[in-house]
Amino acid sequence: MYEFHGDKKRYFDMTYRVTRDHILPFIEQSISLNSNTRVLEIGCGEAGVLKAFLERGCFCTGIELEESRIELAKAFVSEERAAGRVTFLNKNIYDVDPEVDLEGRYDIIILKDVIEHIPDQARFMPELLRFLQKGGLVFFAFPPWMMPYGGHQQVLPGKLASKLPYTHLLPGPLYPFFLRMLGTPATGVATMEEIRSTGISIERFERIARDSGFTVARKQFYLFNPIYEHKFGLKPRMQWAWVSRVPFLRNFVTMGVYYSLRS
């Protein structure tokens, strides 16, 4: 496993810097931020994303299923939490009542590297409307399923299994068989199979967004995802415009996408 996945403080710092330098400027092309802006992050992890919004004076809420990650988030933004500017909720999003659990709706909802892990995205995405203010914005960042490491195989412990690109696209039972042949433990195979069941393409994302009542306010495709600068030393690079316009093909060579949606 890449060591930054185990070093939670380092991962917090990386996520914060990417949000400050890339995600915030992208979002601000569509909506202004001020001290009254309410931001909700679903799948907030250790709150690196929210830290950048807190620095801009926003009031923030993070929802996270893993309680251990919420405890780290509370420690990493302890000053802001003590000042009452950020709260956290350890609850399944389907069980959350925004009027009761969250004191109302939000101007911005953030899902960074989350949608590709959620089962039944067609059911999930309309749920976001329950949390969104009229005229609000939903931001998504995710790796298209068919990109070289869209299966998240880079987190596997085996050196070969973690470095071979596109192996997650092997059909049917060939992929788990291939992983086992490379010595991947049963837990690793199960994790990769779970990710395969939820991976999402650009075209499918846009179709679900449209069917859920959203329109695309802005989108941006990356050849090299901005976080790769902190993970691998690769400078962020936009996808070639002509590639971004070619359905299906763009999924294979686009390492990350940003979307801003409006209802």
C-alpha atoms as a PDB file:
ATOM      1  CA  MET A   1       0.000   0.000   0.000  1.00  0.00           C
ATOM      2  CA  TYR A   2       1.258   3.497  -0.798  1.00  0.00           C
ATOM      3  CA  GLU A   3       2.526   4.964   2.456  1.00  0.00           C
ATOM      4  CA  PHE A   4       0.466   8.141   2.157  1.00  0.00           C
ATOM      5  CA  HIS A   5      -2.697   6.072   2.534  1.00  0.00           C
ATOM      6  CA  GLY A   6      -1.452   5.011   5.975  1.00  0.00           C
ATOM      7  CA  ASP A   7      -0.133   8.441   6.998  1.00  0.00           C
ATOM      8  CA  LYS A   8      -3.422  10.201   7.653  1.00  0.00           C
ATOM      9  CA  LYS A   9      -1.885  13.572   8.522  1.00  0.00           C
ATOM     10  CA  ARG A  10       0.038  13.621   5.268  1.00  0.00           C
ATOM     11  CA  TYR A  11      -3.079  12.631   3.351  1.00  0.00           C
ATOM     12  CA  PHE A  12      -5.007  15.412   5.124  1.00  0.00           C
ATOM     13  CA  ASP A  13      -2.346  17.915   4.071  1.00  0.00           C
ATOM     14  CA  MET A  14      -2.349  16.700   0.441  1.00  0.00           C
ATOM     15  CA  THR A  15      -6.121  16.909   0.207  1.00  0.00           C
ATOM     16  CA  TYR A  16      -6.109  20.367   1.758  1.00  0.00           C
ATOM     17  CA  ARG A  17      -3.547  21.696  -0.729  1.00  0.00           C
ATOM     18  CA  VAL A  18      -5.336  20.227  -3.743  1.00  0.00           C
ATOM     19  CA  THR A  19      -8.595  21.772  -2.576  1.00  0.00           C
ATOM     20  CA  ARG A  20      -7.005  25.161  -1.924  1.00  0.00           C
ATOM     21  CA  ASP A  21      -5.100  25.297  -5.206  1.00  0.00           C
ATOM     22  CA  HIS A  22      -7.454  23.529  -7.636  1.00  0.00           C
ATOM     23  CA  ILE A  23     -10.909  22.686  -6.316  1.00  0.00           C
ATOM     24  CA  LEU A  24     -11.730  26.081  -4.795  1.00  0.00           C
ATOM     25  CA  PRO A  25     -10.765  28.015  -7.957  1.00  0.00           C
ATOM     26  CA  PHE A  26     -12.860  25.580 -10.008  1.00  0.00           C
ATOM     27  CA  ILE A  27     -15.913  25.956  -7.769  1.00  0.00           C
ATOM     28  CA  GLU A  28     -15.581  29.736  -7.639  1.00  0.00           C
ATOM     29  CA  GLN A  29     -16.109  29.866 -11.384  1.00  0.00           C
ATOM     30  CA  SER A  30     -19.735  28.981 -10.602  1.00  0.00           C
ATOM     31  CA  ILE A  31     -20.496  30.252  -7.077  1.00  0.00           C
ATOM     32  CA  SER A  32     -19.073  32.851  -4.687  1.00  0.00           C
ATOM     33  CA  LEU A  33     -17.813  31.988  -1.220  1.00  0.00           C
ATOM     34  CA  ASN A  34     -18.352  34.118   1.864  1.00  0.00           C
ATOM     35  CA  SER A  35     -18.783  33.814   5.633  1.00  0.00           C
ATOM     36  CA  ASN A  36     -22.428  32.805   5.163  1.00  0.00           C
ATOM     37  CA  THR A  37     -21.691  29.957   2.759  1.00  0.00           C
ATOM     38  CA  ARG A  38     -22.731  26.571   4.119  1.00  0.00           C
ATOM     39  CA  VAL A  39     -20.664  23.631   2.845  1.00  0.00           C
ATOM     40  CA  LEU A  40     -21.486  19.953   3.269  1.00  0.00           C
ATOM     41  CA  GLU A  41     -18.957  17.260   2.421  1.00  0.00           C
ATOM     42  CA  ILE A  42     -20.218  13.691   2.060  1.00  0.00           C
ATOM     43  CA  GLY A  43     -17.422  11.225   2.749  1.00  0.00           C
ATOM     44  CA  CYS A  44     -15.255  13.875   4.393  1.00  0.00           C
ATOM     45  CA  GLY A  45     -12.526  11.536   5.651  1.00  0.00           C
ATOM     46  CA  GLU A  46     -10.059  13.499   7.776  1.00  0.00           C
ATOM     47  CA  ALA A  47     -11.482  16.883   6.610  1.00  0.00           C
ATOM     48  CA  GLY A  48      -8.609  18.026   4.407  1.00  0.00           C
ATOM     49  CA  VAL A  49     -11.117  19.369   1.869  1.00  0.00           C
ATOM     50  CA  LEU A  50     -13.146  21.182   4.506  1.00  0.00           C
ATOM     51  CA  LYS A  51     -10.013  22.802   5.937  1.00  0.00           C
ATOM     52  CA  ALA A  52      -9.639  24.860   2.747  1.00  0.00           C
ATOM     53  CA  PHE A  53     -13.262  26.030   2.932  1.00  0.00           C
ATOM     54  CA  LEU A  54     -12.888  26.859   6.614  1.00  0.00           C
ATOM     55  CA  GLU A  55      -9.957  29.112   5.766  1.00  0.00           C
ATOM     56  CA  ARG A  56     -12.312  31.029   3.480  1.00  0.00           C
ATOM     57  CA  GLY A  57     -14.729  31.588   6.361  1.00  0.00           C
ATOM     58  CA  CYS A  58     -17.374  29.059   5.360  1.00  0.00           C
ATOM     59  CA  PHE A  59     -19.465  27.085   7.842  1.00  0.00           C
ATOM     60  CA  CYS A  60     -18.839  23.396   7.180  1.00  0.00           C
ATOM     61  CA  THR A  61     -20.306  19.998   7.967  1.00  0.00           C
ATOM     62  CA  GLY A  62     -18.680  16.658   7.258  1.00  0.00           C
ATOM     63  CA  ILE A  63     -20.514  13.329   7.021  1.00  0.00           C
ATOM     64  CA  GLU A  64     -18.400  10.171   7.265  1.00  0.00           C
ATOM     65  CA  LEU A  65     -19.256   6.508   7.840  1.00  0.00           C
ATOM     66  CA  GLU A  66     -15.893   5.582   9.392  1.00  0.00           C
ATOM     67  CA  GLU A  67     -15.888   6.829  12.976  1.00  0.00           C
ATOM     68  CA  SER A  68     -12.096   6.593  13.259  1.00  0.00           C
ATOM     69  CA  ARG A  69     -11.703   9.074  10.401  1.00  0.00           C
ATOM     70  CA  ILE A  70     -14.112  11.505  12.062  1.00  0.00           C
ATOM     71  CA  GLU A  71     -12.038  11.375  15.234  1.00  0.00           C
ATOM     72  CA  LEU A  72      -8.956  12.326  13.217  1.00  0.00           C
ATOM     73  CA  ALA A  73     -10.895  15.090  11.481  1.00  0.00           C
ATOM     74  CA  LYS A  74     -11.903  16.543  14.825  1.00  0.00           C
ATOM     75  CA  ALA A  75      -8.248  16.615  15.863  1.00  0.00           C
ATOM     76  CA  PHE A  76      -7.007  18.138  12.579  1.00  0.00           C
ATOM     77  CA  VAL A  77      -9.528  21.023  12.648  1.00  0.00           C
ATOM     78  CA  SER A  78      -9.882  21.284  16.419  1.00  0.00           C
ATOM     79  CA  GLU A  79      -9.672  25.086  16.539  1.00  0.00           C
ATOM     80  CA  GLU A  80     -12.391  25.544  13.936  1.00  0.00           C
ATOM     81  CA  ARG A  81     -14.538  22.958  15.695  1.00  0.00           C
ATOM     82  CA  ALA A  82     -14.117  24.724  19.036  1.00  0.00           C
ATOM     83  CA  ALA A  83     -15.213  27.956  17.349  1.00  0.00           C
ATOM     84  CA  GLY A  84     -18.393  26.240  16.121  1.00  0.00           C
ATOM     85  CA  ARG A  85     -17.541  26.581  12.439  1.00  0.00           C
ATOM     86  CA  VAL A  86     -17.405  22.869  11.598  1.00  0.00           C
ATOM     87  CA  THR A  87     -19.412  19.873  12.757  1.00  0.00           C
ATOM     88  CA  PHE A  88     -19.228  16.170  11.933  1.00  0.00           C
ATOM     89  CA  LEU A  89     -21.824  13.454  11.655  1.00  0.00           C
ATOM     90  CA  ASN A  90     -21.165   9.700  11.719  1.00  0.00           C
ATOM     91  CA  LYS A  91     -24.270   8.503   9.894  1.00  0.00           C
ATOM     92  CA  ASN A  92     -25.476   6.923   6.649  1.00  0.00           C
ATOM     93  CA  ILE A  93     -26.558   9.670   4.264  1.00  0.00           C
ATOM     94  CA  TYR A  94     -29.902   7.949   3.635  1.00  0.00           C
ATOM     95  CA  ASP A  95     -30.702   8.209   7.347  1.00  0.00           C
ATOM     96  CA  VAL A  96     -29.888  11.912   7.640  1.00  0.00           C
ATOM     97  CA  ASP A  97     -32.669  14.488   7.960  1.00  0.00           C
ATOM     98  CA  PRO A  98     -31.164  17.851   6.905  1.00  0.00           C
ATOM     99  CA  GLU A  99     -33.673  19.831   8.954  1.00  0.00           C
ATOM    100  CA  VAL A 100     -33.098  17.813  12.131  1.00  0.00           C
ATOM    101  CA  ASP A 101     -29.536  16.489  11.916  1.00  0.00           C
ATOM    102  CA  LEU A 102     -27.931  19.343   9.973  1.00  0.00           C
ATOM    103  CA  GLU A 103     -29.955  22.470  10.778  1.00  0.00           C
ATOM    104  CA  GLY A 104     -30.985  23.084   7.207  1.00  0.00           C
ATOM    105  CA  ARG A 105     -29.701  22.926   3.662  1.00  0.00           C
ATOM    106  CA  TYR A 106     -26.371  23.836   2.077  1.00  0.00           C
ATOM    107  CA  ASP A 107     -25.064  26.138  -0.626  1.00  0.00           C
ATOM    108  CA  ILE A 108     -22.346  23.701  -1.702  1.00  0.00           C
ATOM    109  CA  ILE A 109     -22.147  19.920  -1.449  1.00  0.00           C
ATOM    110  CA  ILE A 110     -18.776  18.240  -1.985  1.00  0.00           C
ATOM    111  CA  LEU A 111     -18.102  14.662  -3.063  1.00  0.00           C
ATOM    112  CA  LYS A 112     -14.400  14.233  -3.719  1.00  0.00           C
ATOM    113  CA  ASP A 113     -13.359  10.708  -4.738  1.00  0.00           C
ATOM    114  CA  VAL A 114     -16.589   9.356  -3.267  1.00  0.00           C
ATOM    115  CA  ILE A 115     -19.158   8.732  -6.015  1.00  0.00           C
ATOM    116  CA  GLU A 116     -17.077   5.876  -7.475  1.00  0.00           C
ATOM    117  CA  HIS A 117     -17.458   4.005  -4.164  1.00  0.00           C
ATOM    118  CA  ILE A 118     -21.218   4.396  -3.724  1.00  0.00           C
ATOM    119  CA  PRO A 119     -23.522   1.520  -4.716  1.00  0.00           C
ATOM    120  CA  ASP A 120     -26.584   2.347  -6.834  1.00  0.00           C
ATOM    121  CA  GLN A 121     -25.541   5.845  -7.841  1.00  0.00           C
ATOM    122  CA  ALA A 122     -28.847   6.333  -9.678  1.00  0.00           C
ATOM    123  CA  ARG A 123     -30.623   6.053  -6.325  1.00  0.00           C
ATOM    124  CA  PHE A 124     -28.040   8.112  -4.456  1.00  0.00           C
ATOM    125  CA  MET A 125     -27.705  11.206  -6.625  1.00  0.00           C
ATOM    126  CA  PRO A 126     -31.333  12.417  -6.375  1.00  0.00           C
ATOM    127  CA  GLU A 127     -30.930  12.223  -2.578  1.00  0.00           C
ATOM    128  CA  LEU A 128     -28.556  15.173  -2.763  1.00  0.00           C
ATOM    129  CA  LEU A 129     -31.453  17.465  -3.601  1.00  0.00           C
ATOM    130  CA  ARG A 130     -32.696  17.034  -0.008  1.00  0.00           C
ATOM    131  CA  PHE A 131     -29.566  18.803   1.236  1.00  0.00           C
ATOM    132  CA  LEU A 132     -29.137  21.520  -1.398  1.00  0.00           C
ATOM    133  CA  GLN A 133     -30.303  25.119  -1.183  1.00  0.00           C
ATOM    134  CA  LYS A 134     -32.122  26.523  -4.188  1.00  0.00           C
ATOM    135  CA  GLY A 135     -29.422  27.763  -6.567  1.00  0.00           C
ATOM    136  CA  GLY A 136     -26.777  25.684  -4.795  1.00  0.00           C
ATOM    137  CA  LEU A 137     -23.944  23.684  -6.309  1.00  0.00           C
ATOM    138  CA  VAL A 138     -22.775  20.077  -6.068  1.00  0.00           C
ATOM    139  CA  PHE A 139     -19.098  19.383  -6.768  1.00  0.00           C
ATOM    140  CA  PHE A 140     -17.827  15.960  -7.809  1.00  0.00           C
ATOM    141  CA  ALA A 141     -14.277  14.767  -8.381  1.00  0.00           C
ATOM    142  CA  PHE A 142     -13.649  11.162  -9.393  1.00  0.00           C
ATOM    143  CA  PRO A 143     -11.420   8.950 -11.532  1.00  0.00           C
ATOM    144  CA  PRO A 144     -13.260   7.499 -14.545  1.00  0.00           C
ATOM    145  CA  TRP A 145     -13.569   3.744 -14.154  1.00  0.00           C
ATOM    146  CA  MET A 146     -11.662   2.848 -17.311  1.00  0.00           C
ATOM    147  CA  MET A 147      -8.576   4.976 -16.646  1.00  0.00           C
ATOM    148  CA  PRO A 148      -5.332   3.029 -15.966  1.00  0.00           C
ATOM    149  CA  TYR A 149      -5.873   2.741 -12.206  1.00  0.00           C
ATOM    150  CA  GLY A 150      -9.629   3.258 -12.049  1.00  0.00           C
ATOM    151  CA  GLY A 151      -9.923   0.045 -10.055  1.00  0.00           C
ATOM    152  CA  HIS A 152      -7.784   1.512  -7.238  1.00  0.00           C
ATOM    153  CA  GLN A 153      -5.435  -1.439  -7.604  1.00  0.00           C
ATOM    154  CA  GLN A 154      -2.588   0.907  -6.638  1.00  0.00           C
ATOM    155  CA  VAL A 155      -3.491   0.365  -2.967  1.00  0.00           C
ATOM    156  CA  LEU A 156      -2.849  -3.397  -3.130  1.00  0.00           C
ATOM    157  CA  PRO A 157       0.157  -4.675  -1.117  1.00  0.00           C
ATOM    158  CA  GLY A 158       1.699  -6.703  -3.970  1.00  0.00           C
ATOM    159  CA  LYS A 159       4.220  -4.711  -6.014  1.00  0.00           C
ATOM    160  CA  LEU A 160       3.167  -6.171  -9.364  1.00  0.00           C
ATOM    161  CA  ALA A 161      -0.579  -6.175  -8.690  1.00  0.00           C
ATOM    162  CA  SER A 162      -0.454  -2.538  -7.579  1.00  0.00           C
ATOM    163  CA  LYS A 163       1.519  -1.258 -10.551  1.00  0.00           C
ATOM    164  CA  LEU A 164      -0.068  -2.938 -13.592  1.00  0.00           C
ATOM    165  CA  PRO A 165      -2.525  -0.573 -15.325  1.00  0.00           C
ATOM    166  CA  TYR A 166      -5.927  -1.507 -16.751  1.00  0.00           C
ATOM    167  CA  THR A 167      -6.034  -4.934 -15.061  1.00  0.00           C
ATOM    168  CA  HIS A 168      -9.358  -4.011 -13.443  1.00  0.00           C
ATOM    169  CA  LEU A 169     -10.916  -4.087 -16.913  1.00  0.00           C
ATOM    170  CA  LEU A 170     -10.394  -7.828 -17.257  1.00  0.00           C
ATOM    171  CA  PRO A 171     -13.866  -9.330 -17.781  1.00  0.00           C
ATOM    172  CA  GLY A 172     -15.895 -11.449 -15.386  1.00  0.00           C
ATOM    173  CA  PRO A 173     -13.970 -13.865 -13.151  1.00  0.00           C
ATOM    174  CA  LEU A 174     -10.660 -13.198 -14.956  1.00  0.00           C
ATOM    175  CA  TYR A 175      -9.898 -10.174 -12.775  1.00  0.00           C
ATOM    176  CA  PRO A 176     -10.163 -11.905  -9.359  1.00  0.00           C
ATOM    177  CA  PHE A 177      -8.347 -14.929 -10.809  1.00  0.00           C
ATOM    178  CA  PHE A 178      -5.536 -12.644 -12.014  1.00  0.00           C
ATOM    179  CA  LEU A 179      -5.298 -10.977  -8.587  1.00  0.00           C
ATOM    180  CA  ARG A 180      -5.085 -14.310  -6.806  1.00  0.00           C
ATOM    181  CA  MET A 181      -2.371 -15.463  -9.231  1.00  0.00           C
ATOM    182  CA  LEU A 182      -0.335 -12.413  -8.175  1.00  0.00           C
ATOM    183  CA  GLY A 183      -0.702 -13.327  -4.515  1.00  0.00           C
ATOM    184  CA  THR A 184      -3.400 -10.829  -3.561  1.00  0.00           C
ATOM    185  CA  PRO A 185      -5.045 -11.915  -0.280  1.00  0.00           C
ATOM    186  CA  ALA A 186      -8.752 -12.700  -0.205  1.00  0.00           C
ATOM    187  CA  THR A 187      -9.558  -9.405   1.524  1.00  0.00           C
ATOM    188  CA  GLY A 188      -7.784  -7.494  -1.243  1.00  0.00           C
ATOM    189  CA  VAL A 189      -9.638  -9.387  -3.956  1.00  0.00           C
ATOM    190  CA  ALA A 190     -12.957  -8.681  -2.227  1.00  0.00           C
ATOM    191  CA  THR A 191     -12.126  -4.970  -2.002  1.00  0.00           C
ATOM    192  CA  MET A 192     -11.208  -4.781  -5.685  1.00  0.00           C
ATOM    193  CA  GLU A 193     -14.408  -6.596  -6.639  1.00  0.00           C
ATOM    194  CA  GLU A 194     -16.443  -4.166  -4.543  1.00  0.00           C
ATOM    195  CA  ILE A 195     -14.802  -1.214  -6.277  1.00  0.00           C
ATOM    196  CA  ARG A 196     -15.453  -2.805  -9.656  1.00  0.00           C
ATOM    197  CA  SER A 197     -19.163  -3.005  -8.779  1.00  0.00           C
ATOM    198  CA  THR A 198     -19.377   0.776  -8.208  1.00  0.00           C
ATOM    199  CA  GLY A 199     -16.860   2.222 -10.699  1.00  0.00           C
ATOM    200  CA  ILE A 200     -18.412   4.907 -12.884  1.00  0.00           C
ATOM    201  CA  SER A 201     -17.632   6.227 -16.367  1.00  0.00           C
ATOM    202  CA  ILE A 202     -17.928   9.835 -17.533  1.00  0.00           C
ATOM    203  CA  GLU A 203     -20.915   9.009 -19.719  1.00  0.00           C
ATOM    204  CA  ARG A 204     -22.757   7.119 -16.994  1.00  0.00           C
ATOM    205  CA  PHE A 205     -22.105   9.909 -14.482  1.00  0.00           C
ATOM    206  CA  GLU A 206     -23.531  12.533 -16.835  1.00  0.00           C
ATOM    207  CA  ARG A 207     -26.561  10.385 -17.623  1.00  0.00           C
ATOM    208  CA  ILE A 208     -27.353   9.799 -13.935  1.00  0.00           C
ATOM    209  CA  ALA A 209     -26.839  13.501 -13.163  1.00  0.00           C
ATOM    210  CA  ARG A 210     -29.247  14.470 -15.938  1.00  0.00           C
ATOM    211  CA  ASP A 211     -31.841  11.879 -14.899  1.00  0.00           C
ATOM    212  CA  SER A 212     -31.571  13.128 -11.300  1.00  0.00           C
ATOM    213  CA  GLY A 213     -32.539  16.665 -12.315  1.00  0.00           C
ATOM    214  CA  PHE A 214     -29.075  18.243 -12.446  1.00  0.00           C
ATOM    215  CA  THR A 215     -27.415  20.265 -15.176  1.00  0.00           C
ATOM    216  CA  VAL A 216     -23.660  20.578 -15.664  1.00  0.00           C
ATOM    217  CA  ALA A 217     -22.510  24.085 -14.728  1.00  0.00           C
ATOM    218  CA  ARG A 218     -18.834  23.359 -15.376  1.00  0.00           C
ATOM    219  CA  LYS A 219     -16.541  20.392 -16.003  1.00  0.00           C
ATOM    220  CA  GLN A 220     -12.806  19.902 -16.253  1.00  0.00           C
ATOM    221  CA  PHE A 221     -10.856  16.824 -17.334  1.00  0.00           C
ATOM    222  CA  TYR A 222      -7.298  16.068 -16.274  1.00  0.00           C
ATOM    223  CA  LEU A 223      -4.671  13.986 -18.003  1.00  0.00           C
ATOM    224  CA  PHE A 224      -2.770  14.123 -14.685  1.00  0.00           C
ATOM    225  CA  ASN A 225      -4.983  14.531 -11.628  1.00  0.00           C
ATOM    226  CA  PRO A 226      -3.876  17.479  -9.413  1.00  0.00           C
ATOM    227  CA  ILE A 227      -3.314  15.218  -6.410  1.00  0.00           C
ATOM    228  CA  TYR A 228      -0.677  13.300  -8.401  1.00  0.00           C
ATOM    229  CA  GLU A 229       1.671  16.224  -7.807  1.00  0.00           C
ATOM    230  CA  HIS A 230       1.710  15.378  -4.106  1.00  0.00           C
ATOM    231  CA  LYS A 231       1.548  11.611  -4.519  1.00  0.00           C
ATOM    232  CA  PHE A 232       3.957  11.061  -7.406  1.00  0.00           C
ATOM    233  CA  GLY A 233       5.583  14.404  -8.265  1.00  0.00           C
ATOM    234  CA  LEU A 234       3.593  14.751 -11.522  1.00  0.00           C
ATOM    235  CA  LYS A 235       2.511  18.301 -12.317  1.00  0.00           C
ATOM    236  CA  PRO A 236      -1.239  18.666 -12.977  1.00  0.00           C
ATOM    237  CA  ARG A 237      -2.039  18.665 -16.668  1.00  0.00           C
ATOM    238  CA  MET A 238      -5.356  19.274 -18.379  1.00  0.00           C
ATOM    239  CA  GLN A 239      -6.672  16.694 -20.775  1.00  0.00           C
ATOM    240  CA  TRP A 240      -6.364  17.578 -24.460  1.00  0.00           C
ATOM    241  CA  ALA A 241      -9.568  19.324 -25.512  1.00  0.00           C
ATOM    242  CA  TRP A 242     -10.205  17.000 -28.441  1.00  0.00           C
ATOM    243  CA  VAL A 243      -9.858  13.928 -26.207  1.00  0.00           C
ATOM    244  CA  SER A 244     -12.323  15.417 -23.697  1.00  0.00           C
ATOM    245  CA  ARG A 245     -14.906  15.621 -26.460  1.00  0.00           C
ATOM    246  CA  VAL A 246     -14.640  11.981 -27.564  1.00  0.00           C
ATOM    247  CA  PRO A 247     -17.066   9.773 -25.585  1.00  0.00           C
ATOM    248  CA  PHE A 248     -15.810   6.451 -24.301  1.00  0.00           C
ATOM    249  CA  LEU A 249     -12.202   7.022 -25.473  1.00  0.00           C
ATOM    250  CA  ARG A 250     -11.680   9.828 -22.949  1.00  0.00           C
ATOM    251  CA  ASN A 251     -12.361   7.436 -20.059  1.00  0.00           C
ATOM    252  CA  PHE A 252      -9.213   5.419 -20.798  1.00  0.00           C
ATOM    253  CA  VAL A 253      -6.775   8.350 -20.676  1.00  0.00           C
ATOM    254  CA  THR A 254      -8.377  10.820 -18.258  1.00  0.00           C
ATOM    255  CA  MET A 255      -6.994  10.425 -14.726  1.00  0.00           C
ATOM    256  CA  GLY A 256      -9.522  12.637 -13.005  1.00  0.00           C
ATOM    257  CA  VAL A 257     -12.581  14.792 -13.652  1.00  0.00           C
ATOM    258  CA  TYR A 258     -14.161  17.758 -11.862  1.00  0.00           C
ATOM    259  CA  TYR A 259     -17.869  18.568 -12.199  1.00  0.00           C
ATOM    260  CA  SER A 260     -20.065  21.329 -10.807  1.00  0.00           C
ATOM    261  CA  LEU A 261     -23.774  20.524 -11.009  1.00  0.00           C
ATOM    262  CA  ARG A 262     -26.850  22.653 -10.416  1.00  0.00           C
ATOM    263  CA  SER A 263     -30.406  21.480  -9.882  1.00  0.00           C
END
